[in-house]
C-alpha atoms as a PDB file:
ATOM      1  CA  MET A   1       0.000   0.000   0.000  1.00  0.00           C
ATOM      2  CA  THR A   2       1.351   3.402  -0.961  1.00  0.00           C
ATOM      3  CA  ILE A   3       1.523   6.430   1.347  1.00  0.00           C
ATOM      4  CA  LEU A   4      -1.236   8.003  -0.758  1.00  0.00           C
ATOM      5  CA  GLU A   5      -3.512   5.032  -0.100  1.00  0.00           C
ATOM      6  CA  LYS A   6      -2.737   5.019   3.629  1.00  0.00           C
ATOM      7  CA  LEU A   7      -3.512   8.729   3.989  1.00  0.00           C
ATOM      8  CA  THR A   8      -6.651   8.868   1.876  1.00  0.00           C
ATOM      9  CA  GLY A   9      -8.056   5.353   1.861  1.00  0.00           C
ATOM     10  CA  MET A  10      -8.079   5.523  -1.947  1.00  0.00           C
ATOM     11  CA  ASP A  11      -5.849   4.043  -4.567  1.00  0.00           C
ATOM     12  CA  LYS A  12      -4.294   6.341  -7.165  1.00  0.00           C
ATOM     13  CA  GLN A  13      -7.112   5.895  -9.693  1.00  0.00           C
ATOM     14  CA  GLN A  14      -9.735   6.762  -7.091  1.00  0.00           C
ATOM     15  CA  LYS A  15      -7.705   9.770  -5.992  1.00  0.00           C
ATOM     16  CA  ASP A  16      -7.451  10.991  -9.579  1.00  0.00           C
ATOM     17  CA  ASN A  17     -11.204  10.633  -9.989  1.00  0.00           C
ATOM     18  CA  HIS A  18     -11.778  12.849  -6.935  1.00  0.00           C
ATOM     19  CA  ALA A  19      -9.100  15.405  -7.741  1.00  0.00           C
ATOM     20  CA  VAL A  20     -10.111  19.057  -7.588  1.00  0.00           C
ATOM     21  CA  ALA A  21     -10.030  20.712 -11.006  1.00  0.00           C
ATOM     22  CA  PRO A  22      -7.110  23.106 -11.433  1.00  0.00           C
ATOM     23  CA  ILE A  23      -7.876  26.799 -11.019  1.00  0.00           C
ATOM     24  CA  PRO A  24      -8.150  28.424 -14.457  1.00  0.00           C
ATOM     25  CA  GLU A  25      -5.133  30.568 -15.191  1.00  0.00           C
ATOM     26  CA  ARG A  26      -7.275  33.693 -15.637  1.00  0.00           C
ATOM     27  CA  LEU A  27      -8.503  33.335 -12.054  1.00  0.00           C
ATOM     28  CA  MET A  28      -5.130  32.785 -10.451  1.00  0.00           C
ATOM     29  CA  LYS A  29      -3.952  35.553  -8.157  1.00  0.00           C
ATOM     30  CA  LEU A  30      -1.423  37.706  -9.964  1.00  0.00           C
ATOM     31  CA  GLU A  31       0.945  39.768  -7.887  1.00  0.00           C
ATOM     32  CA  ARG A  32       1.078  43.153  -9.628  1.00  0.00           C
ATOM     33  CA  VAL A  33      -1.700  45.729  -9.926  1.00  0.00           C
ATOM     34  CA  ALA A  34      -1.799  49.266 -11.314  1.00  0.00           C
ATOM     35  CA  ILE A  35      -3.305  52.470  -9.972  1.00  0.00           C
ATOM     36  CA  ILE A  36      -3.418  55.224 -12.581  1.00  0.00           C
ATOM     37  CA  THR A  37      -3.733  58.800 -11.358  1.00  0.00           C
ATOM     38  CA  ALA A  38      -2.441  62.374 -11.593  1.00  0.00           C
ATOM     39  CA  ASP A  39      -2.316  65.621  -9.625  1.00  0.00           C
ATOM     40  CA  ASP A  40      -5.492  66.579  -7.752  1.00  0.00           C
ATOM     41  CA  THR A  41      -6.624  63.011  -7.236  1.00  0.00           C
ATOM     42  CA  GLN A  42      -8.921  62.442  -4.258  1.00  0.00           C
ATOM     43  CA  ASP A  43      -6.326  61.523  -1.633  1.00  0.00           C
ATOM     44  CA  LEU A  44      -8.380  58.924   0.241  1.00  0.00           C
ATOM     45  CA  GLU A  45      -9.534  57.275  -2.981  1.00  0.00           C
ATOM     46  CA  PHE A  46      -5.889  56.794  -3.888  1.00  0.00           C
ATOM     47  CA  PHE A  47      -4.331  55.805  -0.569  1.00  0.00           C
ATOM     48  CA  TYR A  48      -7.072  53.481   0.693  1.00  0.00           C
ATOM     49  CA  PRO A  49      -6.787  51.080  -2.287  1.00  0.00           C
ATOM     50  CA  TYR A  50      -3.015  51.578  -2.421  1.00  0.00           C
ATOM     51  CA  TYR A  51      -2.534  50.303   1.126  1.00  0.00           C
ATOM     52  CA  ARG A  52      -5.405  47.809   1.076  1.00  0.00           C
ATOM     53  CA  LEU A  53      -4.021  46.067  -2.004  1.00  0.00           C
ATOM     54  CA  THR A  54      -0.533  46.169  -0.514  1.00  0.00           C
ATOM     55  CA  GLU A  55      -1.861  44.521   2.658  1.00  0.00           C
ATOM     56  CA  GLU A  56      -3.225  41.685   0.531  1.00  0.00           C
ATOM     57  CA  GLY A  57       0.232  41.000  -0.874  1.00  0.00           C
ATOM     58  CA  TYR A  58       0.015  42.750  -4.224  1.00  0.00           C
ATOM     59  CA  THR A  59       2.795  44.877  -5.664  1.00  0.00           C
ATOM     60  CA  VAL A  60       1.133  48.187  -6.499  1.00  0.00           C
ATOM     61  CA  ASP A  61       2.572  50.225  -9.361  1.00  0.00           C
ATOM     62  CA  VAL A  62       1.400  53.833  -9.412  1.00  0.00           C
ATOM     63  CA  ILE A  63       1.203  55.163 -12.960  1.00  0.00           C
ATOM     64  CA  THR A  64       1.053  58.847 -13.913  1.00  0.00           C
ATOM     65  CA  PRO A  65       1.326  60.564 -17.305  1.00  0.00           C
ATOM     66  CA  GLU A  66       4.958  61.631 -16.871  1.00  0.00           C
ATOM     67  CA  GLY A  67       6.158  59.572 -13.897  1.00  0.00           C
ATOM     68  CA  GLY A  68       7.801  61.172 -10.869  1.00  0.00           C
ATOM     69  CA  SER A  69       5.766  62.852  -8.154  1.00  0.00           C
ATOM     70  CA  PHE A  70       2.110  63.780  -7.881  1.00  0.00           C
ATOM     71  CA  GLU A  71       0.046  65.600  -5.256  1.00  0.00           C
ATOM     72  CA  GLY A  72      -3.549  64.941  -4.289  1.00  0.00           C
ATOM     73  CA  LYS A  73      -6.166  67.648  -3.791  1.00  0.00           C
ATOM     74  CA  HIS A  74      -5.542  67.620  -0.016  1.00  0.00           C
ATOM     75  CA  GLY A  75      -1.752  67.728  -0.309  1.00  0.00           C
ATOM     76  CA  LEU A  76      -0.861  64.050  -0.004  1.00  0.00           C
ATOM     77  CA  GLY A  77       0.976  62.182  -2.726  1.00  0.00           C
ATOM     78  CA  LEU A  78       3.989  60.124  -3.741  1.00  0.00           C
ATOM     79  CA  ASN A  79       7.428  61.128  -4.992  1.00  0.00           C
ATOM     80  CA  ASP A  80       8.058  58.143  -7.245  1.00  0.00           C
ATOM     81  CA  THR A  81       5.623  56.842  -9.864  1.00  0.00           C
ATOM     82  CA  LYS A  82       5.951  55.085 -13.212  1.00  0.00           C
ATOM     83  CA  SER A  83       5.421  56.927 -16.474  1.00  0.00           C
ATOM     84  CA  ILE A  84       2.614  55.666 -18.694  1.00  0.00           C
ATOM     85  CA  SER A  85       5.191  55.233 -21.457  1.00  0.00           C
ATOM     86  CA  ASP A  86       7.147  52.725 -19.341  1.00  0.00           C
ATOM     87  CA  VAL A  87       4.384  50.236 -18.514  1.00  0.00           C
ATOM     88  CA  LEU A  88       2.477  47.495 -20.340  1.00  0.00           C
ATOM     89  CA  PRO A  89      -1.144  46.449 -19.647  1.00  0.00           C
ATOM     90  CA  GLN A  90      -0.319  42.744 -19.771  1.00  0.00           C
ATOM     91  CA  ASN A  91       1.838  43.046 -16.656  1.00  0.00           C
ATOM     92  CA  TYR A  92      -1.088  43.823 -14.347  1.00  0.00           C
ATOM     93  CA  ALA A  93      -3.970  41.864 -12.859  1.00  0.00           C
ATOM     94  CA  LEU A  94      -6.048  44.958 -12.083  1.00  0.00           C
ATOM     95  CA  LEU A  95      -6.373  48.585 -13.165  1.00  0.00           C
ATOM     96  CA  TYR A  96      -7.650  50.934 -10.445  1.00  0.00           C
ATOM     97  CA  ILE A  97      -8.786  54.496 -11.207  1.00  0.00           C
ATOM     98  CA  PRO A  98      -9.294  56.865  -8.234  1.00  0.00           C
ATOM     99  CA  GLY A  99     -11.416  59.989  -8.539  1.00  0.00           C
ATOM    100  CA  GLY A 100     -10.987  63.664  -7.773  1.00  0.00           C
ATOM    101  CA  LYS A 101      -9.860  65.900 -10.623  1.00  0.00           C
ATOM    102  CA  ALA A 102      -7.191  63.476 -11.864  1.00  0.00           C
ATOM    103  CA  PRO A 103      -9.478  61.624 -14.327  1.00  0.00           C
ATOM    104  CA  ALA A 104     -10.225  64.934 -16.083  1.00  0.00           C
ATOM    105  CA  THR A 105      -6.488  65.264 -16.700  1.00  0.00           C
ATOM    106  CA  LEU A 106      -5.937  61.632 -17.639  1.00  0.00           C
ATOM    107  CA  ARG A 107      -8.780  61.557 -20.173  1.00  0.00           C
ATOM    108  CA  LYS A 108      -6.954  64.151 -22.305  1.00  0.00           C
ATOM    109  CA  ASN A 109      -3.847  61.970 -22.617  1.00  0.00           C
ATOM    110  CA  MET A 110      -3.949  59.680 -25.655  1.00  0.00           C
ATOM    111  CA  GLU A 111      -1.241  57.382 -24.290  1.00  0.00           C
ATOM    112  CA  VAL A 112      -3.296  56.879 -21.127  1.00  0.00           C
ATOM    113  CA  LEU A 113      -6.446  56.208 -23.161  1.00  0.00           C
ATOM    114  CA  ASN A 114      -4.656  53.626 -25.290  1.00  0.00           C
ATOM    115  CA  PHE A 115      -3.370  51.893 -22.149  1.00  0.00           C
ATOM    116  CA  VAL A 116      -6.890  51.748 -20.690  1.00  0.00           C
ATOM    117  CA  LYS A 117      -8.384  50.438 -23.943  1.00  0.00           C
ATOM    118  CA  GLU A 118      -5.744  47.734 -24.264  1.00  0.00           C
ATOM    119  CA  PHE A 119      -6.211  46.725 -20.634  1.00  0.00           C
ATOM    120  CA  ALA A 120      -9.981  46.512 -21.115  1.00  0.00           C
ATOM    121  CA  ALA A 121      -9.524  44.332 -24.198  1.00  0.00           C
ATOM    122  CA  SER A 122      -7.725  41.766 -22.019  1.00  0.00           C
ATOM    123  CA  GLY A 123     -10.889  41.183 -19.983  1.00  0.00           C
ATOM    124  CA  LYS A 124      -9.109  41.788 -16.680  1.00  0.00           C
ATOM    125  CA  PRO A 125     -10.876  43.816 -13.974  1.00  0.00           C
ATOM    126  CA  ILE A 126     -11.010  47.603 -14.022  1.00  0.00           C
ATOM    127  CA  ALA A 127     -12.088  49.386 -10.844  1.00  0.00           C
ATOM    128  CA  ALA A 128     -13.096  53.051 -10.797  1.00  0.00           C
ATOM    129  CA  ILE A 129     -14.544  55.283  -8.104  1.00  0.00           C
ATOM    130  CA  CYS A 130     -16.082  58.760  -7.963  1.00  0.00           C
ATOM    131  CA  HIS A 131     -14.932  60.651 -11.110  1.00  0.00           C
ATOM    132  CA  GLY A 132     -12.849  57.646 -12.222  1.00  0.00           C
ATOM    133  CA  PRO A 133     -15.438  56.529 -14.808  1.00  0.00           C
ATOM    134  CA  GLN A 134     -14.707  59.730 -16.759  1.00  0.00           C
ATOM    135  CA  LEU A 135     -11.590  57.974 -18.011  1.00  0.00           C
ATOM    136  CA  LEU A 136     -13.673  54.970 -19.073  1.00  0.00           C
ATOM    137  CA  ILE A 137     -16.095  57.286 -20.881  1.00  0.00           C
ATOM    138  CA  SER A 138     -13.294  58.869 -22.911  1.00  0.00           C
ATOM    139  CA  ALA A 139     -11.904  55.414 -23.675  1.00  0.00           C
ATOM    140  CA  GLY A 140     -15.294  54.405 -25.113  1.00  0.00           C
ATOM    141  CA  LEU A 141     -15.901  51.625 -22.599  1.00  0.00           C
ATOM    142  CA  VAL A 142     -19.186  52.451 -20.857  1.00  0.00           C
ATOM    143  CA  LYS A 143     -21.811  51.763 -23.532  1.00  0.00           C
ATOM    144  CA  ASN A 144     -24.463  49.382 -22.180  1.00  0.00           C
ATOM    145  CA  LYS A 145     -22.502  49.064 -18.918  1.00  0.00           C
ATOM    146  CA  GLN A 146     -23.925  49.704 -15.458  1.00  0.00           C
ATOM    147  CA  MET A 147     -21.715  51.995 -13.423  1.00  0.00           C
ATOM    148  CA  ALA A 148     -21.686  53.810 -10.123  1.00  0.00           C
ATOM    149  CA  ALA A 149     -19.928  57.170  -9.947  1.00  0.00           C
ATOM    150  CA  TRP A 150     -20.081  60.574  -8.319  1.00  0.00           C
ATOM    151  CA  PRO A 151     -23.674  61.625  -9.129  1.00  0.00           C
ATOM    152  CA  GLU A 152     -22.544  64.815 -10.877  1.00  0.00           C
ATOM    153  CA  ILE A 153     -21.172  62.743 -13.777  1.00  0.00           C
ATOM    154  CA  ALA A 154     -24.271  60.562 -14.124  1.00  0.00           C
ATOM    155  CA  GLY A 155     -25.236  62.577 -17.207  1.00  0.00           C
ATOM    156  CA  GLU A 156     -21.854  61.905 -18.820  1.00  0.00           C
ATOM    157  CA  ILE A 157     -22.258  58.173 -18.288  1.00  0.00           C
ATOM    158  CA  GLU A 158     -25.747  58.167 -19.785  1.00  0.00           C
ATOM    159  CA  GLU A 159     -24.724  60.343 -22.759  1.00  0.00           C
ATOM    160  CA  ALA A 160     -22.004  57.776 -23.498  1.00  0.00           C
ATOM    161  CA  GLY A 161     -24.599  54.989 -23.518  1.00  0.00           C
ATOM    162  CA  GLY A 162     -23.955  53.704 -20.010  1.00  0.00           C
ATOM    163  CA  ILE A 163     -26.410  53.084 -17.179  1.00  0.00           C
ATOM    164  CA  PHE A 164     -25.831  55.088 -14.001  1.00  0.00           C
ATOM    165  CA  ILE A 165     -26.588  53.167 -10.795  1.00  0.00           C
ATOM    166  CA  ASN A 166     -26.586  55.165  -7.558  1.00  0.00           C
ATOM    167  CA  GLU A 167     -25.288  52.378  -5.311  1.00  0.00           C
ATOM    168  CA  ALA A 168     -22.172  51.797  -3.205  1.00  0.00           C
ATOM    169  CA  LEU A 169     -20.896  48.915  -5.339  1.00  0.00           C
ATOM    170  CA  VAL A 170     -21.814  48.076  -8.921  1.00  0.00           C
ATOM    171  CA  GLU A 171     -20.279  45.146 -10.793  1.00  0.00           C
ATOM    172  CA  ASP A 172     -20.866  44.668 -14.500  1.00  0.00           C
ATOM    173  CA  GLY A 173     -18.578  42.205 -16.214  1.00  0.00           C
ATOM    174  CA  GLN A 174     -15.000  43.328 -15.689  1.00  0.00           C
ATOM    175  CA  PHE A 175     -16.009  46.745 -14.314  1.00  0.00           C
ATOM    176  CA  ILE A 176     -16.237  47.390 -10.561  1.00  0.00           C
ATOM    177  CA  THR A 177     -17.404  50.893  -9.683  1.00  0.00           C
ATOM    178  CA  SER A 178     -18.388  52.978  -6.658  1.00  0.00           C
ATOM    179  CA  ARG A 179     -19.536  56.521  -5.944  1.00  0.00           C
ATOM    180  CA  LYS A 180     -17.440  58.222  -3.257  1.00  0.00           C
ATOM    181  CA  PRO A 181     -14.891  57.858  -0.422  1.00  0.00           C
ATOM    182  CA  GLY A 182     -17.591  56.523   1.896  1.00  0.00           C
ATOM    183  CA  ASP A 183     -17.985  53.532  -0.434  1.00  0.00           C
ATOM    184  CA  LEU A 184     -14.306  52.555  -0.373  1.00  0.00           C
ATOM    185  CA  HIS A 185     -14.696  49.625   2.007  1.00  0.00           C
ATOM    186  CA  ARG A 186     -17.397  48.138  -0.224  1.00  0.00           C
ATOM    187  CA  HIS A 187     -15.425  48.915  -3.353  1.00  0.00           C
ATOM    188  CA  LEU A 188     -12.253  47.191  -2.188  1.00  0.00           C
ATOM    189  CA  TYR A 189     -14.287  44.224  -0.987  1.00  0.00           C
ATOM    190  CA  GLY A 190     -15.653  43.827  -4.513  1.00  0.00           C
ATOM    191  CA  VAL A 191     -12.212  44.290  -6.060  1.00  0.00           C
ATOM    192  CA  LEU A 192     -10.566  41.712  -3.815  1.00  0.00           C
ATOM    193  CA  GLN A 193     -13.375  39.210  -4.322  1.00  0.00           C
ATOM    194  CA  TYR A 194     -12.846  39.512  -8.071  1.00  0.00           C
ATOM    195  CA  LEU A 195      -9.075  39.140  -7.810  1.00  0.00           C
ATOM    196  CA  GLN A 196      -9.521  36.057  -5.639  1.00  0.00           C
ATOM    197  CA  GLY A 197     -11.648  34.391  -8.304  1.00  0.00           C
ATOM    198  CA  ASN A 198     -15.156  35.178  -7.049  1.00  0.00           C
ATOM    199  CA  ILE A 199     -16.117  36.798 -10.330  1.00  0.00           C
ATOM    200  CA  PRO A 200     -19.741  37.834 -10.797  1.00  0.00           C
ATOM    201  CA  ASN A 201     -21.192  35.986 -13.783  1.00  0.00           C
ATOM    202  CA  GLU A 202     -24.249  38.196 -14.027  1.00  0.00           C
ATOM    203  CA  SER A 203     -24.903  41.896 -14.223  1.00  0.00           C
ATOM    204  CA  ARG A 204     -26.982  43.507 -11.491  1.00  0.00           C
ATOM    205  CA  VAL A 205     -30.060  43.529 -13.744  1.00  0.00           C
ATOM    206  CA  GLU A 206     -29.615  39.839 -14.569  1.00  0.00           C
ATOM    207  CA  ARG A 207     -29.362  38.988 -10.867  1.00  0.00           C
ATOM    208  CA  LEU A 208     -32.546  40.930 -10.113  1.00  0.00           C
ATOM    209  CA  GLU A 209     -34.383  39.279 -12.985  1.00  0.00           C
ATOM    210  CA  ARG A 210     -33.334  35.847 -11.811  1.00  0.00           C
ATOM    211  CA  LYS A 211     -34.376  36.641  -8.257  1.00  0.00           C
ATOM    212  CA  TYR A 212     -37.726  38.313  -8.843  1.00  0.00           C
ATOM    213  CA  ILE A 213     -38.993  37.261 -12.281  1.00  0.00           C
ATOM    214  CA  LYS A 214     -40.399  33.775 -12.592  1.00  0.00           C
ATOM    215  CA  GLN A 215     -38.526  31.767 -15.178  1.00  0.00           C
ATOM    216  CA  PRO A 216     -40.438  29.553 -17.654  1.00  0.00           C
ATOM    217  CA  ALA A 217     -40.623  25.883 -16.689  1.00  0.00           C
END
């Protein structure tokens, strides 16, 4: 009798038949994530995800248009960031977009827009909070997508063909969005659940339909 059989009470064939399926590669936890921002970002919306993702073991690369330092609207910031020209979308498991006035700056930068579009094409998660969806609007990514955001930009989302949802956490496919700093704990919960493989397979509307609308027999 082999050690395997002694420990499990099964022979090798039985063990193989009961083996857990391998985790799909696209769900495996990658170690590097990106936060893209600029001057006048909302400080809390930058630093909360920065440290929360770091606590979970991710390497967080902060990306700005030119690299170097940036300063948030309340005076906080970092001295060392990566330039958008020095990074590649395929190196990251997540793209996080804080709010404040930074997205209004980022959306004017074609190199930033191309990075966001290429990242979105990979199917990997993109998280945005507050004014962050402005960058997704300019990248042409919100049509037919449900998104939370700072209510003042609800009109922008709808004009771009998106669906504004005034809730603390909205998940639609690869997009994970929230409204404001007070939603950060919910937002990061959704982000981390996604990164850990608990990916929502339905949009919010689909979940509501399944829950409340009787399906045909």
